[in-house]
């Protein structure tokens, strides 16, 4: 039995009905709301006139945000790994000094 539900979304003033697993419903609604906010930001900027261009510019902005976030997370992960290695070395050194 499928646990898919129909979700009604509104994007750019148009209704869309999409199917998704019940467990993903809230995320889908949040995603549509986020997209609408980004579209509104581009629209309010006044430089984009067609809906198609507005969607493309918004999509590029969202992808740019994602890559910035991804790069920050990867950088933080590398820093954390470096710190963990440093702590492991200090612990090993402290334990080896105790044995002597």
PDB file of N, CA and C in Angstrom:
ATOM      1  N   UNK A   1       0.840  -1.188   0.000  1.00  0.00           N
ATOM      2  CA  UNK A   1       0.000   0.000   0.000  1.00  0.00           C
ATOM      3  C   UNK A   1       0.875   1.238   0.000  1.00  0.00           C
ATOM      4  N   UNK A   2       0.556   2.179  -0.849  1.00  0.00           N
ATOM      5  CA  UNK A   2       1.335   3.403  -0.970  1.00  0.00           C
ATOM      6  C   UNK A   2       0.900   4.405   0.090  1.00  0.00           C
ATOM      7  N   UNK A   3       1.889   5.116   0.652  1.00  0.00           N
ATOM      8  CA  UNK A   3       1.571   6.145   1.640  1.00  0.00           C
ATOM      9  C   UNK A   3       1.657   7.534   1.026  1.00  0.00           C
ATOM     10  N   UNK A   4       1.463   7.603  -0.308  1.00  0.00           N
ATOM     11  CA  UNK A   4       1.497   8.897  -0.995  1.00  0.00           C
ATOM     12  C   UNK A   4       0.223   9.687  -0.722  1.00  0.00           C
ATOM     13  N   UNK A   5       0.402  10.994  -0.629  1.00  0.00           N
ATOM     14  CA  UNK A   5      -0.730  11.901  -0.441  1.00  0.00           C
ATOM     15  C   UNK A   5      -0.663  12.969  -1.525  1.00  0.00           C
ATOM     16  N   UNK A   6      -1.786  13.582  -1.797  1.00  0.00           N
ATOM     17  CA  UNK A   6      -1.846  14.693  -2.735  1.00  0.00           C
ATOM     18  C   UNK A   6      -1.656  15.989  -1.947  1.00  0.00           C
ATOM     19  N   UNK A   7      -0.743  16.819  -2.412  1.00  0.00           N
ATOM     20  CA  UNK A   7      -0.455  18.077  -1.736  1.00  0.00           C
ATOM     21  C   UNK A   7      -0.737  19.218  -2.710  1.00  0.00           C
ATOM     22  N   UNK A   8      -1.574  20.150  -2.278  1.00  0.00           N
ATOM     23  CA  UNK A   8      -1.889  21.312  -3.111  1.00  0.00           C
ATOM     24  C   UNK A   8      -0.933  22.438  -2.737  1.00  0.00           C
ATOM     25  N   UNK A   9      -0.215  22.918  -3.719  1.00  0.00           N
ATOM     26  CA  UNK A   9       0.755  23.994  -3.528  1.00  0.00           C
ATOM     27  C   UNK A   9       0.369  25.163  -4.423  1.00  0.00           C
ATOM     28  N   UNK A  10       0.770  26.347  -4.012  1.00  0.00           N
ATOM     29  CA  UNK A  10       0.556  27.510  -4.856  1.00  0.00           C
ATOM     30  C   UNK A  10       1.903  28.173  -5.093  1.00  0.00           C
ATOM     31  N   UNK A  11       2.252  28.276  -6.370  1.00  0.00           N
ATOM     32  CA  UNK A  11       3.517  28.891  -6.762  1.00  0.00           C
ATOM     33  C   UNK A  11       3.215  29.917  -7.844  1.00  0.00           C
ATOM     34  N   UNK A  12       3.677  31.132  -7.612  1.00  0.00           N
ATOM     35  CA  UNK A  12       3.403  32.243  -8.524  1.00  0.00           C
ATOM     36  C   UNK A  12       1.911  32.413  -8.775  1.00  0.00           C
ATOM     37  N   UNK A  13       1.126  32.180  -7.725  1.00  0.00           N
ATOM     38  CA  UNK A  13      -0.310  32.362  -7.837  1.00  0.00           C
ATOM     39  C   UNK A  13      -1.038  31.248  -8.560  1.00  0.00           C
ATOM     40  N   UNK A  14      -0.332  30.202  -8.967  1.00  0.00           N
ATOM     41  CA  UNK A  14      -0.964  29.074  -9.652  1.00  0.00           C
ATOM     42  C   UNK A  14      -0.962  27.868  -8.724  1.00  0.00           C
ATOM     43  N   UNK A  15      -2.046  27.094  -8.797  1.00  0.00           N
ATOM     44  CA  UNK A  15      -2.166  25.900  -7.978  1.00  0.00           C
ATOM     45  C   UNK A  15      -1.528  24.705  -8.676  1.00  0.00           C
ATOM     46  N   UNK A  16      -0.830  23.913  -7.891  1.00  0.00           N
ATOM     47  CA  UNK A  16      -0.225  22.673  -8.354  1.00  0.00           C
ATOM     48  C   UNK A  16      -0.580  21.596  -7.346  1.00  0.00           C
ATOM     49  N   UNK A  17      -0.949  20.439  -7.841  1.00  0.00           N
ATOM     50  CA  UNK A  17      -1.211  19.302  -6.964  1.00  0.00           C
ATOM     51  C   UNK A  17      -0.149  18.254  -7.278  1.00  0.00           C
ATOM     52  N   UNK A  18       0.624  17.921  -6.247  1.00  0.00           N
ATOM     53  CA  UNK A  18       1.702  16.954  -6.399  1.00  0.00           C
ATOM     54  C   UNK A  18       1.508  15.817  -5.415  1.00  0.00           C
ATOM     55  N   UNK A  19       1.938  14.645  -5.813  1.00  0.00           N
ATOM     56  CA  UNK A  19       1.922  13.507  -4.911  1.00  0.00           C
ATOM     57  C   UNK A  19       3.284  13.343  -4.267  1.00  0.00           C
ATOM     58  N   UNK A  20       3.264  12.994  -3.004  1.00  0.00           N
ATOM     59  CA  UNK A  20       4.520  12.727  -2.303  1.00  0.00           C
ATOM     60  C   UNK A  20       4.223  11.833  -1.107  1.00  0.00           C
ATOM     61  N   UNK A  21       5.241  11.159  -0.573  1.00  0.00           N
ATOM     62  CA  UNK A  21       5.028  10.372   0.635  1.00  0.00           C
ATOM     63  C   UNK A  21       4.570  11.265   1.788  1.00  0.00           C
ATOM     64  N   UNK A  22       3.679  10.765   2.611  1.00  0.00           N
ATOM     65  CA  UNK A  22       3.156  11.527   3.740  1.00  0.00           C
ATOM     66  C   UNK A  22       4.283  12.088   4.595  1.00  0.00           C
ATOM     67  N   UNK A  23       5.339  11.306   4.792  1.00  0.00           N
ATOM     68  CA  UNK A  23       6.459  11.735   5.636  1.00  0.00           C
ATOM     69  C   UNK A  23       7.195  12.940   5.063  1.00  0.00           C
ATOM     70  N   UNK A  24       7.040  13.206   3.761  1.00  0.00           N
ATOM     71  CA  UNK A  24       7.739  14.316   3.116  1.00  0.00           C
ATOM     72  C   UNK A  24       6.836  15.514   2.844  1.00  0.00           C
ATOM     73  N   UNK A  25       5.598  15.411   3.253  1.00  0.00           N
ATOM     74  CA  UNK A  25       4.614  16.463   2.976  1.00  0.00           C
ATOM     75  C   UNK A  25       5.063  17.827   3.520  1.00  0.00           C
ATOM     76  N   UNK A  26       5.456  17.876   4.775  1.00  0.00           N
ATOM     77  CA  UNK A  26       5.843  19.152   5.394  1.00  0.00           C
ATOM     78  C   UNK A  26       7.041  19.765   4.686  1.00  0.00           C
ATOM     79  N   UNK A  27       7.992  18.936   4.301  1.00  0.00           N
ATOM     80  CA  UNK A  27       9.176  19.435   3.606  1.00  0.00           C
ATOM     81  C   UNK A  27       8.811  19.984   2.235  1.00  0.00           C
ATOM     82  N   UNK A  28       7.890  19.314   1.553  1.00  0.00           N
ATOM     83  CA  UNK A  28       7.446  19.789   0.246  1.00  0.00           C
ATOM     84  C   UNK A  28       6.740  21.140   0.375  1.00  0.00           C
ATOM     85  N   UNK A  29       5.874  21.271   1.359  1.00  0.00           N
ATOM     86  CA  UNK A  29       5.170  22.538   1.587  1.00  0.00           C
ATOM     87  C   UNK A  29       6.167  23.638   1.934  1.00  0.00           C
ATOM     88  N   UNK A  30       7.132  23.330   2.819  1.00  0.00           N
ATOM     89  CA  UNK A  30       8.166  24.308   3.177  1.00  0.00           C
ATOM     90  C   UNK A  30       8.981  24.716   1.958  1.00  0.00           C
ATOM     91  N   UNK A  31       9.280  23.749   1.102  1.00  0.00           N
ATOM     92  CA  UNK A  31      10.052  24.034  -0.114  1.00  0.00           C
ATOM     93  C   UNK A  31       9.282  24.964  -1.042  1.00  0.00           C
ATOM     94  N   UNK A  32       8.004  24.708  -1.207  1.00  0.00           N
ATOM     95  CA  UNK A  32       7.173  25.571  -2.061  1.00  0.00           C
ATOM     96  C   UNK A  32       7.088  26.979  -1.483  1.00  0.00           C
ATOM     97  N   UNK A  33       6.949  27.077  -0.172  1.00  0.00           N
ATOM     98  CA  UNK A  33       6.908  28.394   0.470  1.00  0.00           C
ATOM     99  C   UNK A  33       8.229  29.129   0.305  1.00  0.00           C
ATOM    100  N   UNK A  34       9.332  28.410   0.438  1.00  0.00           N
ATOM    101  CA  UNK A  34      10.660  29.015   0.252  1.00  0.00           C
ATOM    102  C   UNK A  34      10.810  29.509  -1.189  1.00  0.00           C
ATOM    103  N   UNK A  35      10.399  28.674  -2.136  1.00  0.00           N
ATOM    104  CA  UNK A  35      10.472  29.069  -3.544  1.00  0.00           C
ATOM    105  C   UNK A  35       9.633  30.317  -3.793  1.00  0.00           C
ATOM    106  N   UNK A  36       8.455  30.366  -3.238  1.00  0.00           N
ATOM    107  CA  UNK A  36       7.610  31.551  -3.405  1.00  0.00           C
ATOM    108  C   UNK A  36       8.260  32.796  -2.844  1.00  0.00           C
ATOM    109  N   UNK A  37       8.914  32.675  -1.671  1.00  0.00           N
ATOM    110  CA  UNK A  37       9.617  33.840  -1.098  1.00  0.00           C
ATOM    111  C   UNK A  37      10.739  34.300  -2.028  1.00  0.00           C
ATOM    112  N   UNK A  38      11.493  33.338  -2.564  1.00  0.00           N
ATOM    113  CA  UNK A  38      12.594  33.692  -3.469  1.00  0.00           C
ATOM    114  C   UNK A  38      12.069  34.323  -4.753  1.00  0.00           C
ATOM    115  N   UNK A  39      10.987  33.792  -5.274  1.00  0.00           N
ATOM    116  CA  UNK A  39      10.379  34.373  -6.468  1.00  0.00           C
ATOM    117  C   UNK A  39       9.908  35.791  -6.194  1.00  0.00           C
ATOM    118  N   UNK A  40       9.320  36.012  -5.037  1.00  0.00           N
ATOM    119  CA  UNK A  40       8.841  37.341  -4.669  1.00  0.00           C
ATOM    120  C   UNK A  40      10.011  38.320  -4.545  1.00  0.00           C
ATOM    121  N   UNK A  41      11.135  37.851  -3.977  1.00  0.00           N
ATOM    122  CA  UNK A  41      12.322  38.713  -3.874  1.00  0.00           C
ATOM    123  C   UNK A  41      12.790  39.162  -5.253  1.00  0.00           C
ATOM    124  N   UNK A  42      12.835  38.226  -6.191  1.00  0.00           N
ATOM    125  CA  UNK A  42      13.269  38.562  -7.553  1.00  0.00           C
ATOM    126  C   UNK A  42      12.246  39.512  -8.184  1.00  0.00           C
ATOM    127  N   UNK A  43      10.976  39.230  -7.996  1.00  0.00           N
ATOM    128  CA  UNK A  43       9.920  40.076  -8.555  1.00  0.00           C
ATOM    129  C   UNK A  43       9.999  41.489  -7.978  1.00  0.00           C
ATOM    130  N   UNK A  44      10.198  41.585  -6.656  1.00  0.00           N
ATOM    131  CA  UNK A  44      10.292  42.888  -5.998  1.00  0.00           C
ATOM    132  C   UNK A  44      11.526  43.671  -6.437  1.00  0.00           C
ATOM    133  N   UNK A  45      12.547  42.941  -6.900  1.00  0.00           N
ATOM    134  CA  UNK A  45      13.751  43.599  -7.399  1.00  0.00           C
ATOM    135  C   UNK A  45      13.479  44.391  -8.671  1.00  0.00           C
ATOM    136  N   UNK A  46      12.421  44.026  -9.378  1.00  0.00           N
ATOM    137  CA  UNK A  46      11.974  44.785 -10.529  1.00  0.00           C
ATOM    138  C   UNK A  46      12.781  44.641 -11.801  1.00  0.00           C
ATOM    139  N   UNK A  47      13.821  43.814 -11.798  1.00  0.00           N
ATOM    140  CA  UNK A  47      14.665  43.713 -12.996  1.00  0.00           C
ATOM    141  C   UNK A  47      14.238  42.582 -13.928  1.00  0.00           C
ATOM    142  N   UNK A  48      13.397  41.680 -13.425  1.00  0.00           N
ATOM    143  CA  UNK A  48      12.983  40.527 -14.222  1.00  0.00           C
ATOM    144  C   UNK A  48      11.494  40.666 -14.512  1.00  0.00           C
ATOM    145  N   UNK A  49      11.139  40.561 -15.792  1.00  0.00           N
ATOM    146  CA  UNK A  49       9.751  40.811 -16.156  1.00  0.00           C
ATOM    147  C   UNK A  49       8.937  39.543 -16.405  1.00  0.00           C
ATOM    148  N   UNK A  50       9.513  38.543 -17.016  1.00  0.00           N
ATOM    149  CA  UNK A  50       8.732  37.343 -17.333  1.00  0.00           C
ATOM    150  C   UNK A  50       8.819  36.321 -16.203  1.00  0.00           C
ATOM    151  N   UNK A  51       7.762  35.540 -16.063  1.00  0.00           N
ATOM    152  CA  UNK A  51       7.748  34.491 -15.046  1.00  0.00           C
ATOM    153  C   UNK A  51       8.862  33.472 -15.274  1.00  0.00           C
ATOM    154  N   UNK A  52       9.094  33.154 -16.544  1.00  0.00           N
ATOM    155  CA  UNK A  52      10.137  32.177 -16.863  1.00  0.00           C
ATOM    156  C   UNK A  52      11.501  32.665 -16.378  1.00  0.00           C
ATOM    157  N   UNK A  53      11.811  33.906 -16.667  1.00  0.00           N
ATOM    158  CA  UNK A  53      13.091  34.463 -16.223  1.00  0.00           C
ATOM    159  C   UNK A  53      13.161  34.574 -14.705  1.00  0.00           C
ATOM    160  N   UNK A  54      12.038  34.901 -14.095  1.00  0.00           N
ATOM    161  CA  UNK A  54      11.977  35.009 -12.647  1.00  0.00           C
ATOM    162  C   UNK A  54      12.269  33.648 -12.002  1.00  0.00           C
ATOM    163  N   UNK A  55      11.722  32.591 -12.576  1.00  0.00           N
ATOM    164  CA  UNK A  55      11.956  31.241 -12.059  1.00  0.00           C
ATOM    165  C   UNK A  55      13.424  30.849 -12.232  1.00  0.00           C
ATOM    166  N   UNK A  56      13.999  31.157 -13.383  1.00  0.00           N
ATOM    167  CA  UNK A  56      15.398  30.806 -13.632  1.00  0.00           C
ATOM    168  C   UNK A  56      16.316  31.560 -12.668  1.00  0.00           C
ATOM    169  N   UNK A  57      16.097  32.856 -12.514  1.00  0.00           N
ATOM    170  CA  UNK A  57      16.934  33.647 -11.601  1.00  0.00           C
ATOM    171  C   UNK A  57      16.771  33.153 -10.168  1.00  0.00           C
ATOM    172  N   UNK A  58      15.550  32.845  -9.756  1.00  0.00           N
ATOM    173  CA  UNK A  58      15.310  32.337  -8.407  1.00  0.00           C
ATOM    174  C   UNK A  58      15.995  30.994  -8.198  1.00  0.00           C
ATOM    175  N   UNK A  59      15.892  30.116  -9.197  1.00  0.00           N
ATOM    176  CA  UNK A  59      16.542  28.801  -9.099  1.00  0.00           C
ATOM    177  C   UNK A  59      18.056  28.959  -8.969  1.00  0.00           C
ATOM    178  N   UNK A  60      18.624  29.851  -9.752  1.00  0.00           N
ATOM    179  CA  UNK A  60      20.073  30.091  -9.651  1.00  0.00           C
ATOM    180  C   UNK A  60      20.452  30.642  -8.281  1.00  0.00           C
ATOM    181  N   UNK A  61      19.639  31.541  -7.743  1.00  0.00           N
ATOM    182  CA  UNK A  61      19.908  32.077  -6.402  1.00  0.00           C
ATOM    183  C   UNK A  61      19.854  30.978  -5.347  1.00  0.00           C
ATOM    184  N   UNK A  62      18.853  30.096  -5.443  1.00  0.00           N
ATOM    185  CA  UNK A  62      18.711  29.005  -4.480  1.00  0.00           C
ATOM    186  C   UNK A  62      19.885  28.040  -4.592  1.00  0.00           C
ATOM    187  N   UNK A  63      20.287  27.707  -5.799  1.00  0.00           N
ATOM    188  CA  UNK A  63      21.424  26.800  -5.991  1.00  0.00           C
ATOM    189  C   UNK A  63      22.705  27.438  -5.475  1.00  0.00           C
ATOM    190  N   UNK A  64      22.862  28.728  -5.694  1.00  0.00           N
ATOM    191  CA  UNK A  64      24.029  29.450  -5.177  1.00  0.00           C
ATOM    192  C   UNK A  64      24.065  29.367  -3.648  1.00  0.00           C
ATOM    193  N   UNK A  65      22.925  29.604  -3.004  1.00  0.00           N
ATOM    194  CA  UNK A  65      22.841  29.487  -1.543  1.00  0.00           C
ATOM    195  C   UNK A  65      23.229  28.082  -1.089  1.00  0.00           C
ATOM    196  N   UNK A  66      22.723  27.084  -1.809  1.00  0.00           N
ATOM    197  CA  UNK A  66      23.020  25.695  -1.461  1.00  0.00           C
ATOM    198  C   UNK A  66      24.521  25.416  -1.532  1.00  0.00           C
ATOM    199  N   UNK A  67      25.167  25.849  -2.613  1.00  0.00           N
ATOM    200  CA  UNK A  67      26.596  25.593  -2.750  1.00  0.00           C
ATOM    201  C   UNK A  67      27.415  26.343  -1.699  1.00  0.00           C
ATOM    202  N   UNK A  68      26.999  27.555  -1.355  1.00  0.00           N
ATOM    203  CA  UNK A  68      27.681  28.274  -0.276  1.00  0.00           C
ATOM    204  C   UNK A  68      27.563  27.505   1.028  1.00  0.00           C
ATOM    205  N   UNK A  69      26.363  27.042   1.329  1.00  0.00           N
ATOM    206  CA  UNK A  69      26.129  26.266   2.544  1.00  0.00           C
ATOM    207  C   UNK A  69      26.954  24.978   2.530  1.00  0.00           C
ATOM    208  N   UNK A  70      26.932  24.275   1.400  1.00  0.00           N
ATOM    209  CA  UNK A  70      27.676  23.018   1.262  1.00  0.00           C
ATOM    210  C   UNK A  70      29.160  23.249   1.478  1.00  0.00           C
ATOM    211  N   UNK A  71      29.705  24.298   0.890  1.00  0.00           N
ATOM    212  CA  UNK A  71      31.126  24.596   1.055  1.00  0.00           C
ATOM    213  C   UNK A  71      31.466  24.919   2.507  1.00  0.00           C
ATOM    214  N   UNK A  72      30.584  25.653   3.188  1.00  0.00           N
ATOM    215  CA  UNK A  72      30.813  25.964   4.602  1.00  0.00           C
ATOM    216  C   UNK A  72      30.796  24.706   5.450  1.00  0.00           C
ATOM    217  N   UNK A  73      29.852  23.811   5.172  1.00  0.00           N
ATOM    218  CA  UNK A  73      29.763  22.558   5.926  1.00  0.00           C
ATOM    219  C   UNK A  73      31.019  21.716   5.695  1.00  0.00           C
ATOM    220  N   UNK A  74      31.472  21.627   4.455  1.00  0.00           N
ATOM    221  CA  UNK A  74      32.683  20.853   4.152  1.00  0.00           C
ATOM    222  C   UNK A  74      33.903  21.461   4.838  1.00  0.00           C
ATOM    223  N   UNK A  75      34.000  22.784   4.839  1.00  0.00           N
ATOM    224  CA  UNK A  75      35.104  23.460   5.513  1.00  0.00           C
ATOM    225  C   UNK A  75      35.054  23.184   7.014  1.00  0.00           C
ATOM    226  N   UNK A  76      33.861  23.290   7.606  1.00  0.00           N
ATOM    227  CA  UNK A  76      33.704  23.010   9.028  1.00  0.00           C
ATOM    228  C   UNK A  76      34.070  21.562   9.345  1.00  0.00           C
ATOM    229  N   UNK A  77      33.695  20.642   8.470  1.00  0.00           N
ATOM    230  CA  UNK A  77      34.012  19.221   8.669  1.00  0.00           C
ATOM    231  C   UNK A  77      35.522  18.992   8.642  1.00  0.00           C
ATOM    232  N   UNK A  78      36.204  19.642   7.711  1.00  0.00           N
ATOM    233  CA  UNK A  78      37.661  19.520   7.653  1.00  0.00           C
ATOM    234  C   UNK A  78      38.305  20.086   8.916  1.00  0.00           C
ATOM    235  N   UNK A  79      37.820  21.235   9.381  1.00  0.00           N
ATOM    236  CA  UNK A  79      38.354  21.824  10.613  1.00  0.00           C
ATOM    237  C   UNK A  79      38.103  20.922  11.812  1.00  0.00           C
ATOM    238  N   UNK A  80      36.925  20.338  11.878  1.00  0.00           N
ATOM    239  CA  UNK A  80      36.590  19.437  12.976  1.00  0.00           C
ATOM    240  C   UNK A  80      37.475  18.202  12.945  1.00  0.00           C
ATOM    241  N   UNK A  81      37.667  17.641  11.771  1.00  0.00           N
ATOM    242  CA  UNK A  81      38.540  16.468  11.642  1.00  0.00           C
ATOM    243  C   UNK A  81      39.956  16.801  12.068  1.00  0.00           C
ATOM    244  N   UNK A  82      40.441  17.968  11.691  1.00  0.00           N
ATOM    245  CA  UNK A  82      41.783  18.398  12.076  1.00  0.00           C
ATOM    246  C   UNK A  82      41.891  18.541  13.593  1.00  0.00           C
ATOM    247  N   UNK A  83      40.882  19.150  14.201  1.00  0.00           N
ATOM    248  CA  UNK A  83      40.865  19.311  15.659  1.00  0.00           C
ATOM    249  C   UNK A  83      40.826  17.959  16.363  1.00  0.00           C
ATOM    250  N   UNK A  84      40.034  17.029  15.834  1.00  0.00           N
ATOM    251  CA  UNK A  84      39.953  15.693  16.432  1.00  0.00           C
ATOM    252  C   UNK A  84      41.296  14.970  16.353  1.00  0.00           C
ATOM    253  N   UNK A  85      41.957  15.082  15.220  1.00  0.00           N
ATOM    254  CA  UNK A  85      43.278  14.456  15.084  1.00  0.00           C
ATOM    255  C   UNK A  85      44.269  15.056  16.068  1.00  0.00           C
ATOM    256  N   UNK A  86      44.209  16.367  16.235  1.00  0.00           N
ATOM    257  CA  UNK A  86      45.086  17.042  17.183  1.00  0.00           C
ATOM    258  C   UNK A  86      44.815  16.563  18.613  1.00  0.00           C
ATOM    259  N   UNK A  87      43.556  16.441  18.966  1.00  0.00           N
ATOM    260  CA  UNK A  87      43.199  15.954  20.302  1.00  0.00           C
ATOM    261  C   UNK A  87      43.634  14.503  20.501  1.00  0.00           C
ATOM    262  N   UNK A  88      43.472  13.690  19.468  1.00  0.00           N
ATOM    263  CA  UNK A  88      43.911  12.295  19.564  1.00  0.00           C
ATOM    264  C   UNK A  88      45.417  12.215  19.782  1.00  0.00           C
ATOM    265  N   UNK A  89      46.159  13.054  19.082  1.00  0.00           N
ATOM    266  CA  UNK A  89      47.614  13.083  19.263  1.00  0.00           C
ATOM    267  C   UNK A  89      47.969  13.491  20.689  1.00  0.00           C
ATOM    268  N   UNK A  90      47.300  14.501  21.226  1.00  0.00           N
ATOM    269  CA  UNK A  90      47.560  14.958  22.590  1.00  0.00           C
ATOM    270  C   UNK A  90      47.230  13.870  23.607  1.00  0.00           C
ATOM    271  N   UNK A  91      46.128  13.175  23.394  1.00  0.00           N
ATOM    272  CA  UNK A  91      45.742  12.090  24.301  1.00  0.00           C
ATOM    273  C   UNK A  91      46.762  10.966  24.237  1.00  0.00           C
ATOM    274  N   UNK A  92      47.173  10.605  23.031  1.00  0.00           N
ATOM    275  CA  UNK A  92      48.169   9.545  22.878  1.00  0.00           C
ATOM    276  C   UNK A  92      49.474   9.923  23.554  1.00  0.00           C
ATOM    277  N   UNK A  93      49.884  11.174  23.384  1.00  0.00           N
ATOM    278  CA  UNK A  93      51.117  11.649  24.007  1.00  0.00           C
ATOM    279  C   UNK A  93      50.996  11.623  25.528  1.00  0.00           C
ATOM    280  N   UNK A  94      49.860  12.065  26.054  1.00  0.00           N
ATOM    281  CA  UNK A  94      49.653  12.078  27.493  1.00  0.00           C
ATOM    282  C   UNK A  94      49.636  10.658  28.049  1.00  0.00           C
ATOM    283  N   UNK A  95      49.028   9.732  27.352  1.00  0.00           N
ATOM    284  CA  UNK A  95      48.984   8.349  27.812  1.00  0.00           C
ATOM    285  C   UNK A  95      50.355   7.688  27.742  1.00  0.00           C
ATOM    286  N   UNK A  96      51.115   8.016  26.723  1.00  0.00           N
ATOM    287  CA  UNK A  96      52.457   7.426  26.609  1.00  0.00           C
ATOM    288  C   UNK A  96      53.383   7.975  27.686  1.00  0.00           C
ATOM    289  N   UNK A  97      53.205   9.250  28.069  1.00  0.00           N
ATOM    290  CA  UNK A  97      53.999   9.840  29.139  1.00  0.00           C
ATOM    291  C   UNK A  97      53.676   9.207  30.484  1.00  0.00           C
ATOM    292  N   UNK A  98      52.452   8.787  30.701  1.00  0.00           N
ATOM    293  CA  UNK A  98      52.050   8.167  31.954  1.00  0.00           C
ATOM    294  C   UNK A  98      52.675   6.794  32.121  1.00  0.00           C
ATOM    295  N   UNK A  99      52.906   6.097  31.001  1.00  0.00           N
ATOM    296  CA  UNK A  99      53.455   4.753  31.066  1.00  0.00           C
ATOM    297  C   UNK A  99      54.917   4.764  31.470  1.00  0.00           C
ATOM    298  N   UNK A 100      55.569   5.844  31.233  1.00  0.00           N
ATOM    299  CA  UNK A 100      57.011   5.910  31.499  1.00  0.00           C
ATOM    300  C   UNK A 100      57.331   6.293  32.902  1.00  0.00           C
TER     301      UNK A 100
END
